[in-house]
N, C-alpha and C. Protein backbone atom coordinates (compact mmCIF):
# COMPACT_ATOMS: atom_id res chain seq x y z
N MET A 1 0.82 -1.17 -0.02
CA MET A 1 -0.01 0.01 0.00
C MET A 1 0.90 1.22 0.04
N THR A 2 0.57 2.23 -0.88
CA THR A 2 1.36 3.42 -0.91
C THR A 2 0.75 4.61 -0.15
N VAL A 3 -0.65 4.60 -0.28
CA VAL A 3 -1.48 5.70 0.45
C VAL A 3 -2.81 5.01 0.79
N ILE A 4 -3.25 5.38 1.97
CA ILE A 4 -4.59 5.18 2.33
C ILE A 4 -5.22 6.47 2.78
N ASN A 5 -6.23 6.92 2.01
CA ASN A 5 -6.90 8.18 2.32
C ASN A 5 -8.18 7.98 3.10
N ASN A 6 -8.30 8.31 4.36
CA ASN A 6 -9.38 8.01 5.29
C ASN A 6 -10.45 9.15 5.26
N ASP A 7 -10.39 10.01 4.28
CA ASP A 7 -11.24 11.16 4.17
C ASP A 7 -12.72 10.70 4.13
N VAL A 8 -13.45 11.42 4.89
CA VAL A 8 -14.86 11.03 5.08
C VAL A 8 -15.69 11.08 3.71
N ASP A 9 -15.39 12.10 2.97
CA ASP A 9 -16.14 12.32 1.78
C ASP A 9 -15.56 11.60 0.55
N VAL A 10 -14.33 11.43 0.51
CA VAL A 10 -13.64 10.82 -0.71
C VAL A 10 -12.56 9.85 -0.17
N PRO A 11 -12.97 8.70 0.38
CA PRO A 11 -11.91 7.74 0.74
C PRO A 11 -11.25 7.11 -0.45
N ALA A 12 -9.98 6.72 -0.26
CA ALA A 12 -9.27 6.02 -1.39
C ALA A 12 -8.17 5.21 -0.73
N ILE A 13 -7.68 4.22 -1.64
CA ILE A 13 -6.56 3.39 -1.31
C ILE A 13 -5.70 3.24 -2.64
N TYR A 14 -4.47 3.42 -2.41
CA TYR A 14 -3.50 3.24 -3.59
C TYR A 14 -2.50 2.17 -3.29
N ALA A 15 -2.14 1.33 -4.22
CA ALA A 15 -1.11 0.30 -4.03
C ALA A 15 -0.23 0.16 -5.29
N ARG A 16 1.05 -0.36 -5.01
CA ARG A 16 1.94 -0.55 -6.11
C ARG A 16 2.74 -1.86 -5.83
N THR A 17 2.89 -2.65 -6.85
CA THR A 17 3.80 -3.77 -6.72
C THR A 17 5.27 -3.44 -6.93
N GLN A 18 6.17 -4.35 -6.62
CA GLN A 18 7.55 -4.12 -6.82
C GLN A 18 7.94 -3.92 -8.24
N ASP A 19 7.08 -4.56 -9.11
CA ASP A 19 7.47 -4.55 -10.56
C ASP A 19 6.73 -3.41 -11.29
N GLY A 20 6.00 -2.42 -10.57
CA GLY A 20 5.50 -1.30 -11.11
C GLY A 20 4.00 -1.24 -11.45
N PHE A 21 3.30 -2.30 -11.16
CA PHE A 21 1.85 -2.24 -11.43
C PHE A 21 1.23 -1.41 -10.24
N GLN A 22 0.21 -0.53 -10.62
CA GLN A 22 -0.44 0.19 -9.70
C GLN A 22 -1.92 0.13 -9.76
N VAL A 23 -2.61 0.28 -8.57
CA VAL A 23 -3.97 0.26 -8.59
C VAL A 23 -4.50 1.42 -7.62
N ALA A 24 -5.67 1.98 -7.93
CA ALA A 24 -6.23 3.02 -6.99
C ALA A 24 -7.78 2.67 -7.01
N LEU A 25 -8.31 2.69 -5.78
CA LEU A 25 -9.76 2.57 -5.58
C LEU A 25 -10.23 3.83 -4.87
N ILE A 26 -11.14 4.49 -5.54
CA ILE A 26 -11.51 5.85 -4.95
C ILE A 26 -13.10 5.93 -4.95
N VAL A 27 -13.66 6.24 -3.72
CA VAL A 27 -15.16 6.33 -3.70
C VAL A 27 -15.31 7.95 -3.62
N ALA A 28 -15.92 8.39 -4.72
CA ALA A 28 -16.02 9.81 -4.89
C ALA A 28 -17.41 10.36 -4.53
N ASP A 29 -17.73 11.55 -4.85
CA ASP A 29 -18.96 12.21 -4.58
C ASP A 29 -20.21 11.38 -5.05
N LYS A 30 -21.22 11.35 -4.26
CA LYS A 30 -22.56 10.66 -4.60
C LYS A 30 -22.26 9.15 -4.80
N GLY A 31 -21.27 8.57 -4.19
CA GLY A 31 -21.06 7.07 -4.28
C GLY A 31 -20.38 6.70 -5.58
N GLN A 32 -19.87 7.50 -6.47
CA GLN A 32 -19.19 7.09 -7.63
C GLN A 32 -17.93 6.41 -7.19
N VAL A 33 -17.65 5.28 -7.91
CA VAL A 33 -16.47 4.50 -7.56
C VAL A 33 -15.56 4.47 -8.83
N HIS A 34 -14.29 4.79 -8.48
CA HIS A 34 -13.30 4.73 -9.70
C HIS A 34 -12.25 3.60 -9.29
N PHE A 35 -11.93 2.83 -10.20
CA PHE A 35 -10.93 1.82 -10.04
C PHE A 35 -9.92 1.98 -11.14
N ASP A 36 -8.72 2.53 -10.89
CA ASP A 36 -7.77 2.73 -11.90
C ASP A 36 -6.56 1.66 -11.84
N VAL A 37 -6.09 1.32 -12.95
CA VAL A 37 -4.98 0.33 -12.99
C VAL A 37 -4.00 0.91 -13.91
N ASP A 38 -2.65 0.90 -13.52
CA ASP A 38 -1.57 1.34 -14.36
C ASP A 38 -0.70 0.14 -14.47
N SER A 39 -0.24 -0.15 -15.73
CA SER A 39 0.65 -1.28 -16.00
C SER A 39 1.98 -0.75 -16.61
N PRO A 40 3.10 -1.33 -16.09
CA PRO A 40 4.38 -0.83 -16.69
C PRO A 40 4.72 -1.49 -18.04
N CYS A 41 3.85 -2.39 -18.40
CA CYS A 41 4.21 -3.12 -19.65
C CYS A 41 3.49 -2.79 -20.78
N VAL A 42 2.86 -1.57 -20.80
CA VAL A 42 2.19 -1.06 -21.98
C VAL A 42 2.92 0.20 -22.55
N ARG A 43 2.80 0.52 -23.81
CA ARG A 43 3.43 1.65 -24.36
C ARG A 43 2.41 2.76 -24.49
N HIS A 44 2.83 4.05 -24.37
CA HIS A 44 2.02 5.13 -24.53
C HIS A 44 1.44 5.21 -25.93
N SER A 45 0.21 5.43 -26.11
CA SER A 45 -0.28 5.63 -27.48
C SER A 45 -1.38 6.81 -27.50
N GLU A 46 -1.47 7.44 -28.71
CA GLU A 46 -2.41 8.46 -28.79
C GLU A 46 -3.79 7.95 -28.72
N VAL A 47 -4.81 8.63 -28.20
CA VAL A 47 -6.21 8.31 -28.25
C VAL A 47 -6.83 8.99 -29.39
N ALA A 48 -7.52 8.17 -30.19
CA ALA A 48 -8.21 8.76 -31.39
C ALA A 48 -9.44 9.56 -30.97
N ASP A 49 -9.77 10.61 -31.73
CA ASP A 49 -10.97 11.32 -31.52
C ASP A 49 -12.23 10.45 -31.72
N SER A 50 -13.25 10.79 -31.04
CA SER A 50 -14.48 10.06 -31.14
C SER A 50 -15.05 10.10 -32.61
N THR A 51 -15.72 9.07 -33.02
CA THR A 51 -16.27 9.10 -34.31
C THR A 51 -17.75 9.36 -34.31
N SER A 52 -18.25 9.47 -33.02
CA SER A 52 -19.74 9.83 -32.93
C SER A 52 -19.84 11.01 -32.07
N ARG A 53 -20.95 11.66 -32.28
CA ARG A 53 -21.25 12.92 -31.54
C ARG A 53 -21.82 12.55 -30.18
N ALA A 54 -21.67 13.49 -29.20
CA ALA A 54 -22.17 13.33 -27.90
C ALA A 54 -23.71 13.36 -27.98
N THR A 55 -24.34 12.52 -27.14
CA THR A 55 -25.80 12.57 -27.23
C THR A 55 -26.51 13.40 -26.22
N ALA A 56 -25.81 13.92 -25.28
CA ALA A 56 -26.40 14.80 -24.28
C ALA A 56 -26.08 16.32 -24.62
N PHE A 57 -26.97 17.15 -24.25
CA PHE A 57 -26.86 18.57 -24.49
C PHE A 57 -25.88 19.22 -23.57
N LEU A 58 -24.95 19.89 -24.00
CA LEU A 58 -23.97 20.63 -23.17
C LEU A 58 -23.90 22.09 -23.59
N ALA A 59 -24.43 23.05 -22.79
CA ALA A 59 -24.35 24.41 -23.14
C ALA A 59 -22.98 24.85 -23.51
N PRO A 60 -22.85 25.70 -24.54
CA PRO A 60 -21.51 26.09 -24.96
C PRO A 60 -20.71 26.81 -23.91
N ASP A 61 -21.46 27.50 -23.05
CA ASP A 61 -20.77 28.26 -21.95
C ASP A 61 -20.65 27.44 -20.50
N ALA A 62 -20.86 26.19 -20.69
CA ALA A 62 -20.87 25.39 -19.36
C ALA A 62 -19.54 25.18 -18.87
N GLU A 63 -19.25 25.32 -17.55
CA GLU A 63 -17.97 25.14 -17.03
C GLU A 63 -17.67 23.79 -16.62
N LEU A 64 -18.77 23.04 -16.26
CA LEU A 64 -18.62 21.66 -15.83
C LEU A 64 -19.64 20.74 -16.61
N ILE A 65 -19.29 19.53 -16.82
CA ILE A 65 -20.16 18.52 -17.49
C ILE A 65 -21.18 18.11 -16.32
N PRO A 66 -22.47 18.30 -16.65
CA PRO A 66 -23.52 17.95 -15.57
C PRO A 66 -23.49 16.43 -15.25
N ARG A 67 -24.00 16.17 -13.96
CA ARG A 67 -24.10 14.85 -13.61
C ARG A 67 -25.14 14.03 -14.50
N PRO A 68 -24.95 12.80 -14.79
CA PRO A 68 -25.99 12.11 -15.54
C PRO A 68 -27.39 12.13 -14.84
N ASN A 69 -28.40 12.19 -15.58
CA ASN A 69 -29.72 12.26 -15.06
C ASN A 69 -30.66 11.19 -15.68
N ILE A 70 -30.05 10.07 -16.08
CA ILE A 70 -30.76 8.94 -16.74
C ILE A 70 -30.92 7.89 -15.67
N HIS A 71 -32.19 7.45 -15.46
CA HIS A 71 -32.48 6.34 -14.39
C HIS A 71 -32.42 4.98 -15.06
N SER A 72 -31.72 4.05 -14.34
CA SER A 72 -31.78 2.65 -14.79
C SER A 72 -32.39 1.82 -13.64
N ASP A 73 -33.32 0.98 -13.89
CA ASP A 73 -33.89 0.18 -12.83
C ASP A 73 -32.83 -0.75 -12.21
N PHE A 74 -31.90 -1.01 -13.09
CA PHE A 74 -30.78 -1.98 -12.56
C PHE A 74 -29.66 -1.29 -11.88
N TRP A 75 -29.09 -0.22 -12.49
CA TRP A 75 -27.91 0.48 -11.98
C TRP A 75 -28.23 1.54 -10.99
N SER A 76 -29.36 2.24 -11.14
CA SER A 76 -29.63 3.37 -10.32
C SER A 76 -30.06 3.11 -8.88
N ALA A 77 -29.42 3.89 -7.90
CA ALA A 77 -29.90 3.70 -6.53
C ALA A 77 -31.17 4.47 -6.29
N THR A 78 -31.91 4.00 -5.32
CA THR A 78 -33.21 4.64 -4.90
C THR A 78 -32.88 5.52 -3.78
N GLU A 79 -33.63 6.62 -3.71
CA GLU A 79 -33.43 7.62 -2.50
C GLU A 79 -33.96 6.85 -1.26
N SER A 80 -33.19 7.06 -0.10
CA SER A 80 -33.66 6.43 1.09
C SER A 80 -34.22 7.48 2.09
C-alpha cells in the first residue's frame, strides 16, 4: 500500500507492486467508484478522436459537465 486516504467524503486506497503495477480505488461524490489500474508493460499511445457525436446537450458556456440524469432500474440507486 502506498497511500490510504481516510477522508470522510472521498476515501481512497492506492497500491503498487515491486514491478510497477499500480491500482487505485476511490469512492467519490455521490458514491461514484473509480478503479484505476496502471501497468508498466504497455506503451503510450495516442487516443483517437471520437467518431460519434455526444448525445447529451451541453451548453457552450458550461464550466462543468453535468451529472448524468438517466435512471436505470438495474444500476440506479433509490433515494432512502
